[in-house]
Amino acid sequence: MKYTTWIFCGILILYGLLAAVFAFTGYNLLLVFCFGNAYVYRAALSLAGVAALWLLFWLLAFRPTKFLS
């Protein structure tokens, strides 16, 4: 589970960087990486949704911030 969490964190960071490039320049790098294929683009975006749901589950189930206070 530890490696899955690290992989999904990396995926979300990558998507965040690609979204920042798109926001600042208007150039969609994710669509370029998908070679303009709409199905691959939507599959890549759905992977971001799965990664976000996994991290939400991880935060609720294991409560890594419980001992910070």
N, C-alpha and C. Protein backbone atom coordinates (compact mmCIF):
# COMPACT_ATOMS: atom_id res chain seq x y z
N MET A 1 0.82 -1.19 0.00
CA MET A 1 0.00 0.00 0.00
C MET A 1 0.86 1.26 0.00
N LYS A 2 2.04 1.15 0.56
CA LYS A 2 2.91 2.31 0.62
C LYS A 2 3.34 2.73 -0.78
N TYR A 3 3.70 1.75 -1.61
CA TYR A 3 4.14 2.07 -2.97
C TYR A 3 2.99 2.61 -3.82
N THR A 4 1.81 2.06 -3.62
CA THR A 4 0.64 2.56 -4.34
C THR A 4 0.37 4.02 -4.00
N THR A 5 0.49 4.35 -2.74
CA THR A 5 0.27 5.73 -2.32
C THR A 5 1.31 6.66 -2.92
N TRP A 6 2.56 6.24 -2.94
CA TRP A 6 3.62 7.07 -3.54
C TRP A 6 3.41 7.24 -5.04
N ILE A 7 3.00 6.18 -5.71
CA ILE A 7 2.77 6.27 -7.16
C ILE A 7 1.61 7.22 -7.45
N PHE A 8 0.52 7.09 -6.71
CA PHE A 8 -0.63 7.96 -6.95
C PHE A 8 -0.33 9.41 -6.57
N CYS A 9 0.48 9.62 -5.56
CA CYS A 9 0.90 11.00 -5.24
C CYS A 9 1.70 11.59 -6.39
N GLY A 10 2.60 10.79 -6.94
CA GLY A 10 3.38 11.25 -8.09
C GLY A 10 2.52 11.55 -9.30
N ILE A 11 1.51 10.71 -9.54
CA ILE A 11 0.60 10.96 -10.66
C ILE A 11 -0.15 12.26 -10.47
N LEU A 12 -0.65 12.51 -9.28
CA LEU A 12 -1.38 13.75 -9.04
C LEU A 12 -0.47 14.97 -9.12
N ILE A 13 0.76 14.85 -8.69
CA ILE A 13 1.71 15.96 -8.83
C ILE A 13 1.98 16.23 -10.30
N LEU A 14 2.16 15.17 -11.09
CA LEU A 14 2.37 15.34 -12.52
C LEU A 14 1.18 16.00 -13.19
N TYR A 15 -0.03 15.56 -12.86
CA TYR A 15 -1.22 16.19 -13.43
C TYR A 15 -1.34 17.65 -12.99
N GLY A 16 -0.95 17.94 -11.77
CA GLY A 16 -0.98 19.32 -11.31
C GLY A 16 -0.01 20.20 -12.08
N LEU A 17 1.18 19.68 -12.36
CA LEU A 17 2.15 20.44 -13.15
C LEU A 17 1.66 20.65 -14.58
N LEU A 18 1.08 19.60 -15.17
CA LEU A 18 0.54 19.74 -16.52
C LEU A 18 -0.62 20.73 -16.55
N ALA A 19 -1.44 20.73 -15.51
CA ALA A 19 -2.55 21.69 -15.43
C ALA A 19 -2.03 23.11 -15.26
N ALA A 20 -0.94 23.28 -14.51
CA ALA A 20 -0.36 24.61 -14.35
C ALA A 20 0.20 25.14 -15.67
N VAL A 21 0.84 24.27 -16.44
CA VAL A 21 1.34 24.68 -17.76
C VAL A 21 0.19 25.09 -18.64
N PHE A 22 -0.90 24.33 -18.60
CA PHE A 22 -2.07 24.66 -19.41
C PHE A 22 -2.70 25.98 -18.95
N ALA A 23 -2.74 26.21 -17.64
CA ALA A 23 -3.34 27.44 -17.12
C ALA A 23 -2.52 28.67 -17.47
N PHE A 24 -1.20 28.55 -17.44
CA PHE A 24 -0.35 29.71 -17.69
C PHE A 24 -0.08 29.97 -19.16
N THR A 25 -0.06 28.92 -19.97
CA THR A 25 0.30 29.10 -21.37
C THR A 25 -0.84 28.81 -22.34
N GLY A 26 -1.83 28.04 -21.93
CA GLY A 26 -2.90 27.65 -22.83
C GLY A 26 -2.53 26.47 -23.71
N TYR A 27 -1.38 25.85 -23.44
CA TYR A 27 -0.90 24.71 -24.22
C TYR A 27 -1.13 23.44 -23.41
N ASN A 28 -1.94 22.53 -23.92
CA ASN A 28 -2.32 21.33 -23.19
C ASN A 28 -1.31 20.21 -23.44
N LEU A 29 -0.37 20.05 -22.52
CA LEU A 29 0.67 19.04 -22.67
C LEU A 29 0.13 17.62 -22.53
N LEU A 30 -0.89 17.44 -21.70
CA LEU A 30 -1.45 16.10 -21.54
C LEU A 30 -2.07 15.63 -22.85
N LEU A 31 -2.75 16.51 -23.55
CA LEU A 31 -3.33 16.15 -24.84
C LEU A 31 -2.23 15.85 -25.86
N VAL A 32 -1.11 16.57 -25.77
CA VAL A 32 0.02 16.29 -26.65
C VAL A 32 0.61 14.92 -26.35
N PHE A 33 0.76 14.58 -25.05
CA PHE A 33 1.29 13.28 -24.67
C PHE A 33 0.36 12.14 -25.09
N CYS A 34 -0.93 12.44 -25.22
CA CYS A 34 -1.91 11.43 -25.67
C CYS A 34 -2.06 11.43 -27.19
N PHE A 35 -1.22 12.19 -27.88
CA PHE A 35 -1.21 12.27 -29.34
C PHE A 35 -2.56 12.72 -29.91
N GLY A 36 -3.28 13.53 -29.15
CA GLY A 36 -4.55 14.07 -29.62
C GLY A 36 -5.71 13.09 -29.61
N ASN A 37 -5.50 11.90 -29.10
CA ASN A 37 -6.54 10.89 -29.05
C ASN A 37 -7.46 11.16 -27.86
N ALA A 38 -8.74 11.38 -28.14
CA ALA A 38 -9.68 11.75 -27.08
C ALA A 38 -9.90 10.61 -26.09
N TYR A 39 -9.88 9.36 -26.56
CA TYR A 39 -10.11 8.23 -25.66
C TYR A 39 -8.94 8.04 -24.69
N VAL A 40 -7.75 8.19 -25.18
CA VAL A 40 -6.57 8.07 -24.31
C VAL A 40 -6.53 9.24 -23.33
N TYR A 41 -6.92 10.42 -23.80
CA TYR A 41 -6.95 11.62 -22.95
C TYR A 41 -7.94 11.43 -21.79
N ARG A 42 -9.13 10.92 -22.11
CA ARG A 42 -10.13 10.69 -21.07
C ARG A 42 -9.70 9.59 -20.12
N ALA A 43 -9.00 8.57 -20.62
CA ALA A 43 -8.49 7.51 -19.76
C ALA A 43 -7.43 8.06 -18.81
N ALA A 44 -6.58 8.95 -19.30
CA ALA A 44 -5.56 9.56 -18.45
C ALA A 44 -6.20 10.44 -17.37
N LEU A 45 -7.24 11.16 -17.74
CA LEU A 45 -7.93 11.97 -16.75
C LEU A 45 -8.66 11.11 -15.72
N SER A 46 -9.18 9.96 -16.14
CA SER A 46 -9.84 9.07 -15.18
C SER A 46 -8.83 8.48 -14.20
N LEU A 47 -7.60 8.30 -14.65
CA LEU A 47 -6.55 7.83 -13.73
C LEU A 47 -6.31 8.85 -12.62
N ALA A 48 -6.42 10.12 -12.93
CA ALA A 48 -6.29 11.14 -11.89
C ALA A 48 -7.42 11.03 -10.88
N GLY A 49 -8.61 10.73 -11.35
CA GLY A 49 -9.73 10.54 -10.43
C GLY A 49 -9.54 9.34 -9.52
N VAL A 50 -9.03 8.25 -10.06
CA VAL A 50 -8.76 7.06 -9.26
C VAL A 50 -7.67 7.37 -8.23
N ALA A 51 -6.65 8.09 -8.64
CA ALA A 51 -5.57 8.45 -7.71
C ALA A 51 -6.09 9.33 -6.58
N ALA A 52 -6.96 10.26 -6.91
CA ALA A 52 -7.52 11.13 -5.87
C ALA A 52 -8.40 10.35 -4.91
N LEU A 53 -9.21 9.42 -5.42
CA LEU A 53 -10.04 8.61 -4.54
C LEU A 53 -9.20 7.69 -3.66
N TRP A 54 -8.11 7.15 -4.19
CA TRP A 54 -7.23 6.31 -3.38
C TRP A 54 -6.63 7.14 -2.24
N LEU A 55 -6.17 8.34 -2.53
CA LEU A 55 -5.56 9.16 -1.47
C LEU A 55 -6.59 9.60 -0.44
N LEU A 56 -7.82 9.84 -0.88
CA LEU A 56 -8.88 10.16 0.08
C LEU A 56 -9.13 8.98 1.00
N PHE A 57 -9.22 7.77 0.43
CA PHE A 57 -9.37 6.56 1.25
C PHE A 57 -8.20 6.42 2.22
N TRP A 58 -6.99 6.62 1.73
CA TRP A 58 -5.81 6.47 2.57
C TRP A 58 -5.83 7.46 3.74
N LEU A 59 -6.22 8.69 3.45
CA LEU A 59 -6.27 9.70 4.51
C LEU A 59 -7.35 9.38 5.54
N LEU A 60 -8.48 8.87 5.10
CA LEU A 60 -9.56 8.54 6.04
C LEU A 60 -9.27 7.25 6.81
N ALA A 61 -8.69 6.26 6.17
CA ALA A 61 -8.48 4.98 6.82
C ALA A 61 -7.29 4.99 7.78
N PHE A 62 -6.22 5.66 7.43
CA PHE A 62 -5.00 5.55 8.23
C PHE A 62 -4.71 6.80 9.05
N ARG A 63 -5.40 7.89 8.78
CA ARG A 63 -5.26 9.14 9.54
C ARG A 63 -3.80 9.49 9.84
N PRO A 64 -3.02 9.79 8.80
CA PRO A 64 -1.59 10.08 9.03
C PRO A 64 -1.37 11.43 9.74
N THR A 65 -2.38 12.28 9.82
CA THR A 65 -2.21 13.58 10.46
C THR A 65 -2.75 13.59 11.88
N LYS A 66 -3.11 12.44 12.43
CA LYS A 66 -3.71 12.38 13.75
C LYS A 66 -2.76 12.87 14.84
N PHE A 67 -1.49 12.60 14.70
CA PHE A 67 -0.53 12.95 15.77
C PHE A 67 0.20 14.26 15.51
N LEU A 68 -0.26 15.07 14.58
CA LEU A 68 0.41 16.33 14.30
C LEU A 68 0.11 17.41 15.33
N SER A 69 -1.02 17.33 15.99
CA SER A 69 -1.39 18.40 16.94
C SER A 69 -0.79 18.20 18.27
